[in-house]
């Protein structure tokens, strides 16, 4: 029995190592090709040069910091608004009783089944008619409207909390708002971490909305990732692929930082949801 258990442990370690290698390989590939020479072969799997100048070129060949500022504006709008709206929507659907609540929850579930591209053209026509093109106000509406998937996640998280917590809060004289802000919200740090990470990750990498609604002057940083022709050798049309790889690594740094900051709560929230589910 002990031999069988040891064999299963070895197999699990090998499987985990293989999965780790698979997930880390794209980062390795991008890094190796970000430090190769500008005139080297198109791609390589082993270091052939250490051209750290490529990272400087990634910051100077395009208006990098202007794009970065636009991205930070979008994040500053969507993350706080999205966190407040989605968590409060989930709390209302889970703990408050109102006429038609089940219909509203069904409507939320229904919107999750509608492909995004199916509403992009009607949404663009609507927003263009009311003058929301080429402005960051669009993301204010997005933050207030919330996300059906995140609202559903928040609803399930609050729904799993014992009803006795709310009853005890009401006995102590708390209003529904006070019970939410003073009792349930402090217990929901894992949920908040997941919501913040998902909203940040989506809006940091969302190029389609920016491409549809914004002019070049207001492009976020992600647009440079989908317009590699900006990283060209001066005076030519040759795309500097190593510089593009360097810019890609710089682009994902904020996401990695946020992941490691929220890692404890992300793991706790996912494992807690799995146990409660």
C-alpha atoms as a PDB file:
ATOM      1  CA  UNK A   1       0.000   0.000   0.000  1.00  0.00           C
ATOM      2  CA  UNK A   2       2.839   2.342   0.900  1.00  0.00           C
ATOM      3  CA  UNK A   3       4.617   1.533  -2.384  1.00  0.00           C
ATOM      4  CA  UNK A   4       1.443   2.332  -4.335  1.00  0.00           C
ATOM      5  CA  UNK A   5       1.049   5.648  -2.524  1.00  0.00           C
ATOM      6  CA  UNK A   6       4.676   6.540  -3.221  1.00  0.00           C
ATOM      7  CA  UNK A   7       4.230   5.657  -6.894  1.00  0.00           C
ATOM      8  CA  UNK A   8       1.150   7.888  -7.179  1.00  0.00           C
ATOM      9  CA  UNK A   9       3.059  10.722  -5.526  1.00  0.00           C
ATOM     10  CA  UNK A  10       5.912  10.385  -8.011  1.00  0.00           C
ATOM     11  CA  UNK A  11       3.457  10.357 -10.926  1.00  0.00           C
ATOM     12  CA  UNK A  12       1.739  13.483  -9.595  1.00  0.00           C
ATOM     13  CA  UNK A  13       5.099  15.264  -9.269  1.00  0.00           C
ATOM     14  CA  UNK A  14       6.035  14.332 -12.821  1.00  0.00           C
ATOM     15  CA  UNK A  15       2.639  15.483 -14.129  1.00  0.00           C
ATOM     16  CA  UNK A  16       2.890  18.777 -12.226  1.00  0.00           C
ATOM     17  CA  UNK A  17       6.390  19.350 -13.591  1.00  0.00           C
ATOM     18  CA  UNK A  18       5.254  18.709 -17.171  1.00  0.00           C
ATOM     19  CA  UNK A  19       2.291  21.052 -16.777  1.00  0.00           C
ATOM     20  CA  UNK A  20       4.585  23.715 -15.308  1.00  0.00           C
ATOM     21  CA  UNK A  21       6.996  23.379 -18.237  1.00  0.00           C
ATOM     22  CA  UNK A  22       4.127  23.687 -20.715  1.00  0.00           C
ATOM     23  CA  UNK A  23       2.845  26.867 -19.077  1.00  0.00           C
ATOM     24  CA  UNK A  24       6.300  28.423 -18.662  1.00  0.00           C
ATOM     25  CA  UNK A  25       7.513  27.650 -22.178  1.00  0.00           C
ATOM     26  CA  UNK A  26       5.790  30.670 -23.837  1.00  0.00           C
ATOM     27  CA  UNK A  27       7.451  33.011 -21.319  1.00  0.00           C
ATOM     28  CA  UNK A  28      10.827  31.391 -21.952  1.00  0.00           C
ATOM     29  CA  UNK A  29      10.366  31.565 -25.721  1.00  0.00           C
ATOM     30  CA  UNK A  30       9.344  35.227 -25.588  1.00  0.00           C
ATOM     31  CA  UNK A  31      12.213  36.165 -23.287  1.00  0.00           C
ATOM     32  CA  UNK A  32      14.895  34.370 -25.322  1.00  0.00           C
ATOM     33  CA  UNK A  33      13.661  36.021 -28.492  1.00  0.00           C
ATOM     34  CA  UNK A  34      13.451  39.429 -26.824  1.00  0.00           C
ATOM     35  CA  UNK A  35      17.187  39.545 -26.139  1.00  0.00           C
ATOM     36  CA  UNK A  36      18.436  38.242 -29.476  1.00  0.00           C
ATOM     37  CA  UNK A  37      20.063  40.546 -31.994  1.00  0.00           C
ATOM     38  CA  UNK A  38      17.921  42.606 -34.336  1.00  0.00           C
ATOM     39  CA  UNK A  39      19.534  40.975 -37.361  1.00  0.00           C
ATOM     40  CA  UNK A  40      19.517  37.401 -36.050  1.00  0.00           C
ATOM     41  CA  UNK A  41      17.402  34.525 -37.279  1.00  0.00           C
ATOM     42  CA  UNK A  42      13.604  34.877 -36.949  1.00  0.00           C
ATOM     43  CA  UNK A  43      13.314  32.666 -33.871  1.00  0.00           C
ATOM     44  CA  UNK A  44      15.424  30.609 -31.509  1.00  0.00           C
ATOM     45  CA  UNK A  45      15.072  28.344 -28.480  1.00  0.00           C
ATOM     46  CA  UNK A  46      18.473  29.049 -26.975  1.00  0.00           C
ATOM     47  CA  UNK A  47      20.253  32.292 -26.081  1.00  0.00           C
ATOM     48  CA  UNK A  48      22.358  33.570 -28.948  1.00  0.00           C
ATOM     49  CA  UNK A  49      22.790  37.173 -27.770  1.00  0.00           C
ATOM     50  CA  UNK A  50      21.966  39.427 -24.838  1.00  0.00           C
ATOM     51  CA  UNK A  51      20.667  42.595 -26.438  1.00  0.00           C
ATOM     52  CA  UNK A  52      19.091  44.345 -23.439  1.00  0.00           C
ATOM     53  CA  UNK A  53      18.847  47.437 -25.619  1.00  0.00           C
ATOM     54  CA  UNK A  54      15.698  45.875 -27.092  1.00  0.00           C
ATOM     55  CA  UNK A  55      13.778  46.768 -23.927  1.00  0.00           C
ATOM     56  CA  UNK A  56      14.850  50.403 -24.272  1.00  0.00           C
ATOM     57  CA  UNK A  57      13.720  50.387 -27.904  1.00  0.00           C
ATOM     58  CA  UNK A  58      10.358  48.961 -26.807  1.00  0.00           C
ATOM     59  CA  UNK A  59       9.880  52.086 -24.676  1.00  0.00           C
ATOM     60  CA  UNK A  60      11.148  54.630 -27.184  1.00  0.00           C
ATOM     61  CA  UNK A  61      10.100  53.519 -30.682  1.00  0.00           C
ATOM     62  CA  UNK A  62       6.447  54.243 -29.874  1.00  0.00           C
ATOM     63  CA  UNK A  63       4.753  56.763 -27.528  1.00  0.00           C
ATOM     64  CA  UNK A  64       4.852  54.056 -24.866  1.00  0.00           C
ATOM     65  CA  UNK A  65       4.100  56.180 -21.826  1.00  0.00           C
ATOM     66  CA  UNK A  66       1.205  57.963 -23.527  1.00  0.00           C
ATOM     67  CA  UNK A  67      -0.351  54.587 -24.288  1.00  0.00           C
ATOM     68  CA  UNK A  68       0.394  53.479 -20.742  1.00  0.00           C
ATOM     69  CA  UNK A  69      -1.351  56.551 -19.328  1.00  0.00           C
ATOM     70  CA  UNK A  70      -4.458  55.782 -21.400  1.00  0.00           C
ATOM     71  CA  UNK A  71      -4.443  52.188 -20.133  1.00  0.00           C
ATOM     72  CA  UNK A  72      -4.158  53.376 -16.531  1.00  0.00           C
ATOM     73  CA  UNK A  73      -7.114  55.734 -17.038  1.00  0.00           C
ATOM     74  CA  UNK A  74      -9.238  52.818 -18.234  1.00  0.00           C
ATOM     75  CA  UNK A  75      -8.110  50.656 -15.318  1.00  0.00           C
ATOM     76  CA  UNK A  76      -8.754  53.474 -12.816  1.00  0.00           C
ATOM     77  CA  UNK A  77     -12.323  53.707 -14.109  1.00  0.00           C
ATOM     78  CA  UNK A  78     -13.279  50.069 -14.558  1.00  0.00           C
ATOM     79  CA  UNK A  79     -11.699  48.384 -11.531  1.00  0.00           C
ATOM     80  CA  UNK A  80     -13.297  50.465  -8.715  1.00  0.00           C
ATOM     81  CA  UNK A  81     -16.656  50.818 -10.458  1.00  0.00           C
ATOM     82  CA  UNK A  82     -16.691  47.177 -11.536  1.00  0.00           C
ATOM     83  CA  UNK A  83     -15.784  45.958  -8.056  1.00  0.00           C
ATOM     84  CA  UNK A  84     -18.505  47.987  -6.334  1.00  0.00           C
ATOM     85  CA  UNK A  85     -21.240  47.291  -8.864  1.00  0.00           C
ATOM     86  CA  UNK A  86     -20.637  43.563  -9.366  1.00  0.00           C
ATOM     87  CA  UNK A  87     -20.270  42.791  -5.657  1.00  0.00           C
ATOM     88  CA  UNK A  88     -23.362  44.822  -4.741  1.00  0.00           C
ATOM     89  CA  UNK A  89     -25.396  43.226  -7.536  1.00  0.00           C
ATOM     90  CA  UNK A  90     -24.359  39.795  -6.298  1.00  0.00           C
ATOM     91  CA  UNK A  91     -25.235  40.689  -2.712  1.00  0.00           C
ATOM     92  CA  UNK A  92     -28.668  41.994  -3.723  1.00  0.00           C
ATOM     93  CA  UNK A  93     -29.469  38.871  -5.746  1.00  0.00           C
ATOM     94  CA  UNK A  94     -28.292  36.554  -2.967  1.00  0.00           C
ATOM     95  CA  UNK A  95     -29.473  38.146   0.281  1.00  0.00           C
ATOM     96  CA  UNK A  96     -32.237  40.649  -0.469  1.00  0.00           C
ATOM     97  CA  UNK A  97     -35.787  39.733  -1.329  1.00  0.00           C
ATOM     98  CA  UNK A  98     -37.688  41.713  -3.934  1.00  0.00           C
ATOM     99  CA  UNK A  99     -40.485  41.143  -6.401  1.00  0.00           C
ATOM    100  CA  UNK A 100     -39.148  39.881  -9.730  1.00  0.00           C
ATOM    101  CA  UNK A 101     -35.773  38.970  -8.280  1.00  0.00           C
ATOM    102  CA  UNK A 102     -35.770  35.551  -9.899  1.00  0.00           C
ATOM    103  CA  UNK A 103     -36.561  37.129 -13.282  1.00  0.00           C
ATOM    104  CA  UNK A 104     -33.620  39.506 -12.922  1.00  0.00           C
ATOM    105  CA  UNK A 105     -31.320  36.635 -11.991  1.00  0.00           C
ATOM    106  CA  UNK A 106     -32.563  34.658 -14.991  1.00  0.00           C
ATOM    107  CA  UNK A 107     -31.841  37.674 -17.214  1.00  0.00           C
ATOM    108  CA  UNK A 108     -28.289  37.818 -15.844  1.00  0.00           C
ATOM    109  CA  UNK A 109     -27.799  34.141 -16.643  1.00  0.00           C
ATOM    110  CA  UNK A 110     -29.255  34.668 -20.118  1.00  0.00           C
ATOM    111  CA  UNK A 111     -26.792  37.443 -20.992  1.00  0.00           C
ATOM    112  CA  UNK A 112     -23.943  35.049 -20.196  1.00  0.00           C
ATOM    113  CA  UNK A 113     -25.091  32.879 -23.092  1.00  0.00           C
ATOM    114  CA  UNK A 114     -25.036  35.705 -25.660  1.00  0.00           C
ATOM    115  CA  UNK A 115     -21.751  35.877 -27.625  1.00  0.00           C
ATOM    116  CA  UNK A 116     -19.973  39.203 -27.241  1.00  0.00           C
ATOM    117  CA  UNK A 117     -19.662  39.783 -30.973  1.00  0.00           C
ATOM    118  CA  UNK A 118     -23.456  39.506 -31.316  1.00  0.00           C
ATOM    119  CA  UNK A 119     -23.968  42.773 -29.444  1.00  0.00           C
ATOM    120  CA  UNK A 120     -20.892  44.725 -30.564  1.00  0.00           C
ATOM    121  CA  UNK A 121     -22.443  46.297 -33.668  1.00  0.00           C
ATOM    122  CA  UNK A 122     -25.764  47.319 -32.016  1.00  0.00           C
ATOM    123  CA  UNK A 123     -23.784  48.622 -29.040  1.00  0.00           C
ATOM    124  CA  UNK A 124     -21.496  50.629 -31.292  1.00  0.00           C
ATOM    125  CA  UNK A 125     -24.470  52.177 -33.126  1.00  0.00           C
ATOM    126  CA  UNK A 126     -26.085  53.134 -29.809  1.00  0.00           C
ATOM    127  CA  UNK A 127     -22.953  54.632 -28.273  1.00  0.00           C
ATOM    128  CA  UNK A 128     -22.025  56.518 -31.436  1.00  0.00           C
ATOM    129  CA  UNK A 129     -25.463  58.117 -31.597  1.00  0.00           C
ATOM    130  CA  UNK A 130     -25.215  59.401 -28.024  1.00  0.00           C
ATOM    131  CA  UNK A 131     -21.661  60.645 -28.538  1.00  0.00           C
ATOM    132  CA  UNK A 132     -19.631  58.134 -26.551  1.00  0.00           C
ATOM    133  CA  UNK A 133     -17.044  57.395 -29.226  1.00  0.00           C
ATOM    134  CA  UNK A 134     -13.456  58.543 -28.693  1.00  0.00           C
ATOM    135  CA  UNK A 135     -14.042  59.108 -24.993  1.00  0.00           C
ATOM    136  CA  UNK A 136     -13.249  57.192 -21.820  1.00  0.00           C
ATOM    137  CA  UNK A 137     -16.790  57.779 -20.520  1.00  0.00           C
ATOM    138  CA  UNK A 138     -17.686  54.529 -22.265  1.00  0.00           C
ATOM    139  CA  UNK A 139     -15.802  52.609 -19.572  1.00  0.00           C
ATOM    140  CA  UNK A 140     -17.802  54.391 -16.853  1.00  0.00           C
ATOM    141  CA  UNK A 141     -20.959  52.807 -18.249  1.00  0.00           C
ATOM    142  CA  UNK A 142     -19.171  49.477 -18.541  1.00  0.00           C
ATOM    143  CA  UNK A 143     -18.088  49.618 -14.891  1.00  0.00           C
ATOM    144  CA  UNK A 144     -21.557  50.557 -13.634  1.00  0.00           C
ATOM    145  CA  UNK A 145     -23.267  47.933 -15.801  1.00  0.00           C
ATOM    146  CA  UNK A 146     -20.999  45.207 -14.434  1.00  0.00           C
ATOM    147  CA  UNK A 147     -20.307  41.791 -15.866  1.00  0.00           C
ATOM    148  CA  UNK A 148     -22.868  38.992 -15.912  1.00  0.00           C
ATOM    149  CA  UNK A 149     -20.239  36.346 -15.162  1.00  0.00           C
ATOM    150  CA  UNK A 150     -18.730  38.284 -12.238  1.00  0.00           C
ATOM    151  CA  UNK A 151     -22.172  39.183 -10.897  1.00  0.00           C
ATOM    152  CA  UNK A 152     -23.101  35.501 -10.988  1.00  0.00           C
ATOM    153  CA  UNK A 153     -19.871  34.611  -9.184  1.00  0.00           C
ATOM    154  CA  UNK A 154     -20.579  37.246  -6.519  1.00  0.00           C
ATOM    155  CA  UNK A 155     -24.141  36.034  -6.114  1.00  0.00           C
ATOM    156  CA  UNK A 156     -23.032  32.457  -5.592  1.00  0.00           C
ATOM    157  CA  UNK A 157     -20.392  33.543  -3.076  1.00  0.00           C
ATOM    158  CA  UNK A 158     -22.855  35.506  -0.938  1.00  0.00           C
ATOM    159  CA  UNK A 159     -25.559  32.875  -1.367  1.00  0.00           C
ATOM    160  CA  UNK A 160     -23.233  30.283   0.185  1.00  0.00           C
ATOM    161  CA  UNK A 161     -22.900  32.375   3.372  1.00  0.00           C
ATOM    162  CA  UNK A 162     -25.161  31.198   6.215  1.00  0.00           C
ATOM    163  CA  UNK A 163     -28.451  33.049   6.503  1.00  0.00           C
ATOM    164  CA  UNK A 164     -27.854  33.232  10.253  1.00  0.00           C
ATOM    165  CA  UNK A 165     -25.239  35.937   9.676  1.00  0.00           C
ATOM    166  CA  UNK A 166     -27.832  38.253   8.158  1.00  0.00           C
ATOM    167  CA  UNK A 167     -30.421  37.390  10.809  1.00  0.00           C
ATOM    168  CA  UNK A 168     -27.954  38.184  13.588  1.00  0.00           C
ATOM    169  CA  UNK A 169     -27.120  41.495  11.913  1.00  0.00           C
ATOM    170  CA  UNK A 170     -30.795  42.439  11.679  1.00  0.00           C
ATOM    171  CA  UNK A 171     -31.343  41.552  15.342  1.00  0.00           C
ATOM    172  CA  UNK A 172     -28.468  43.894  16.236  1.00  0.00           C
ATOM    173  CA  UNK A 173     -30.221  46.686  14.351  1.00  0.00           C
ATOM    174  CA  UNK A 174     -28.236  46.652  11.121  1.00  0.00           C
ATOM    175  CA  UNK A 175     -29.843  47.769   7.898  1.00  0.00           C
ATOM    176  CA  UNK A 176     -29.233  45.684   4.749  1.00  0.00           C
ATOM    177  CA  UNK A 177     -26.594  48.209   3.661  1.00  0.00           C
ATOM    178  CA  UNK A 178     -24.835  48.169   7.051  1.00  0.00           C
ATOM    179  CA  UNK A 179     -24.939  44.376   7.164  1.00  0.00           C
ATOM    180  CA  UNK A 180     -23.279  44.321   3.739  1.00  0.00           C
ATOM    181  CA  UNK A 181     -20.555  46.907   4.426  1.00  0.00           C
ATOM    182  CA  UNK A 182     -19.766  46.003   8.048  1.00  0.00           C
ATOM    183  CA  UNK A 183     -20.227  42.232   8.117  1.00  0.00           C
ATOM    184  CA  UNK A 184     -20.393  40.478   4.748  1.00  0.00           C
ATOM    185  CA  UNK A 185     -17.907  42.610   2.830  1.00  0.00           C
ATOM    186  CA  UNK A 186     -15.030  42.106   5.329  1.00  0.00           C
ATOM    187  CA  UNK A 187     -15.645  38.361   4.973  1.00  0.00           C
ATOM    188  CA  UNK A 188     -15.434  38.620   1.196  1.00  0.00           C
ATOM    189  CA  UNK A 189     -11.775  39.488   0.604  1.00  0.00           C
ATOM    190  CA  UNK A 190     -11.214  36.394  -1.587  1.00  0.00           C
ATOM    191  CA  UNK A 191     -14.212  37.361  -3.717  1.00  0.00           C
ATOM    192  CA  UNK A 192     -12.994  40.963  -4.046  1.00  0.00           C
ATOM    193  CA  UNK A 193      -9.528  39.764  -5.051  1.00  0.00           C
ATOM    194  CA  UNK A 194     -10.987  37.559  -7.786  1.00  0.00           C
ATOM    195  CA  UNK A 195     -13.230  40.368  -9.047  1.00  0.00           C
ATOM    196  CA  UNK A 196     -10.389  42.907  -9.128  1.00  0.00           C
ATOM    197  CA  UNK A 197      -8.055  40.496 -10.909  1.00  0.00           C
ATOM    198  CA  UNK A 198     -10.640  39.515 -13.518  1.00  0.00           C
ATOM    199  CA  UNK A 199     -11.673  43.099 -14.272  1.00  0.00           C
ATOM    200  CA  UNK A 200      -8.057  44.281 -14.441  1.00  0.00           C
ATOM    201  CA  UNK A 201      -6.963  41.374 -16.609  1.00  0.00           C
ATOM    202  CA  UNK A 202      -9.859  41.808 -19.044  1.00  0.00           C
ATOM    203  CA  UNK A 203      -9.564  45.578 -19.470  1.00  0.00           C
ATOM    204  CA  UNK A 204      -5.763  45.543 -19.582  1.00  0.00           C
ATOM    205  CA  UNK A 205      -5.865  43.186 -22.555  1.00  0.00           C
ATOM    206  CA  UNK A 206      -9.092  44.353 -24.220  1.00  0.00           C
ATOM    207  CA  UNK A 207      -8.042  45.694 -27.608  1.00  0.00           C
ATOM    208  CA  UNK A 208     -11.347  45.318 -29.461  1.00  0.00           C
ATOM    209  CA  UNK A 209     -13.232  47.996 -27.515  1.00  0.00           C
ATOM    210  CA  UNK A 210     -10.367  50.464 -27.893  1.00  0.00           C
ATOM    211  CA  UNK A 211     -10.057  49.677 -31.601  1.00  0.00           C
ATOM    212  CA  UNK A 212     -13.789  50.266 -32.176  1.00  0.00           C
ATOM    213  CA  UNK A 213     -14.300  53.429 -30.131  1.00  0.00           C
ATOM    214  CA  UNK A 214     -11.028  55.319 -29.677  1.00  0.00           C
ATOM    215  CA  UNK A 215      -8.827  57.339 -31.974  1.00  0.00           C
ATOM    216  CA  UNK A 216      -5.106  56.712 -32.173  1.00  0.00           C
ATOM    217  CA  UNK A 217      -4.363  59.510 -29.694  1.00  0.00           C
ATOM    218  CA  UNK A 218      -6.323  57.688 -26.989  1.00  0.00           C
ATOM    219  CA  UNK A 219      -5.186  54.149 -27.712  1.00  0.00           C
ATOM    220  CA  UNK A 220      -4.265  52.075 -24.636  1.00  0.00           C
ATOM    221  CA  UNK A 221      -1.013  50.156 -24.442  1.00  0.00           C
ATOM    222  CA  UNK A 222      -2.576  46.920 -25.645  1.00  0.00           C
ATOM    223  CA  UNK A 223      -3.030  48.406 -29.120  1.00  0.00           C
ATOM    224  CA  UNK A 224       0.740  48.439 -29.608  1.00  0.00           C
ATOM    225  CA  UNK A 225       0.732  44.682 -29.044  1.00  0.00           C
ATOM    226  CA  UNK A 226      -1.741  44.249 -31.897  1.00  0.00           C
ATOM    227  CA  UNK A 227      -0.002  46.777 -34.134  1.00  0.00           C
ATOM    228  CA  UNK A 228       3.542  45.380 -34.331  1.00  0.00           C
ATOM    229  CA  UNK A 229       4.128  47.513 -37.439  1.00  0.00           C
ATOM    230  CA  UNK A 230       4.801  50.358 -34.996  1.00  0.00           C
ATOM    231  CA  UNK A 231       7.991  48.567 -33.984  1.00  0.00           C
ATOM    232  CA  UNK A 232       9.809  49.033 -37.280  1.00  0.00           C
ATOM    233  CA  UNK A 233      13.397  49.919 -38.024  1.00  0.00           C
ATOM    234  CA  UNK A 234      13.564  53.690 -38.624  1.00  0.00           C
ATOM    235  CA  UNK A 235      13.390  54.484 -42.330  1.00  0.00           C
ATOM    236  CA  UNK A 236      12.228  50.971 -43.285  1.00  0.00           C
ATOM    237  CA  UNK A 237       9.194  48.710 -43.041  1.00  0.00           C
ATOM    238  CA  UNK A 238      11.095  45.926 -41.277  1.00  0.00           C
ATOM    239  CA  UNK A 239       9.306  44.845 -38.098  1.00  0.00           C
ATOM    240  CA  UNK A 240      11.749  44.466 -35.197  1.00  0.00           C
ATOM    241  CA  UNK A 241      10.468  41.180 -33.814  1.00  0.00           C
ATOM    242  CA  UNK A 242      12.874  41.073 -30.835  1.00  0.00           C
ATOM    243  CA  UNK A 243      11.606  44.497 -29.778  1.00  0.00           C
ATOM    244  CA  UNK A 244       8.016  43.288 -30.093  1.00  0.00           C
ATOM    245  CA  UNK A 245       8.858  40.376 -27.786  1.00  0.00           C
ATOM    246  CA  UNK A 246      10.481  42.760 -25.312  1.00  0.00           C
ATOM    247  CA  UNK A 247       7.395  44.991 -25.385  1.00  0.00           C
ATOM    248  CA  UNK A 248       5.218  41.941 -24.762  1.00  0.00           C
ATOM    249  CA  UNK A 249       7.158  41.076 -21.610  1.00  0.00           C
ATOM    250  CA  UNK A 250       6.857  44.657 -20.370  1.00  0.00           C
ATOM    251  CA  UNK A 251       3.130  44.559 -21.103  1.00  0.00           C
ATOM    252  CA  UNK A 252       2.434  41.503 -18.926  1.00  0.00           C
ATOM    253  CA  UNK A 253       4.432  42.728 -15.904  1.00  0.00           C
ATOM    254  CA  UNK A 254       1.454  44.553 -14.268  1.00  0.00           C
ATOM    255  CA  UNK A 255      -0.717  41.436 -14.600  1.00  0.00           C
ATOM    256  CA  UNK A 256       1.968  39.272 -12.993  1.00  0.00           C
ATOM    257  CA  UNK A 257       2.444  41.768 -10.157  1.00  0.00           C
ATOM    258  CA  UNK A 258      -1.287  41.878  -9.445  1.00  0.00           C
ATOM    259  CA  UNK A 259      -1.468  38.092  -9.544  1.00  0.00           C
ATOM    260  CA  UNK A 260       1.276  37.675  -6.942  1.00  0.00           C
ATOM    261  CA  UNK A 261      -0.249  40.399  -4.747  1.00  0.00           C
ATOM    262  CA  UNK A 262      -3.683  38.738  -4.844  1.00  0.00           C
ATOM    263  CA  UNK A 263      -2.410  35.161  -5.009  1.00  0.00           C
ATOM    264  CA  UNK A 264      -3.319  34.258  -1.429  1.00  0.00           C
ATOM    265  CA  UNK A 265      -6.885  35.458  -1.794  1.00  0.00           C
ATOM    266  CA  UNK A 266      -7.263  34.053  -5.307  1.00  0.00           C
ATOM    267  CA  UNK A 267      -6.338  30.550  -4.151  1.00  0.00           C
ATOM    268  CA  UNK A 268      -8.515  30.899  -1.052  1.00  0.00           C
ATOM    269  CA  UNK A 269     -11.470  32.100  -3.084  1.00  0.00           C
ATOM    270  CA  UNK A 270     -11.201  29.375  -5.712  1.00  0.00           C
ATOM    271  CA  UNK A 271     -10.731  26.592  -3.152  1.00  0.00           C
ATOM    272  CA  UNK A 272     -13.520  27.987  -0.985  1.00  0.00           C
ATOM    273  CA  UNK A 273     -15.891  28.146  -3.919  1.00  0.00           C
ATOM    274  CA  UNK A 274     -15.014  24.566  -4.830  1.00  0.00           C
ATOM    275  CA  UNK A 275     -15.739  23.335  -1.303  1.00  0.00           C
ATOM    276  CA  UNK A 276     -18.985  25.306  -1.006  1.00  0.00           C
ATOM    277  CA  UNK A 277     -20.071  24.396  -4.523  1.00  0.00           C
END
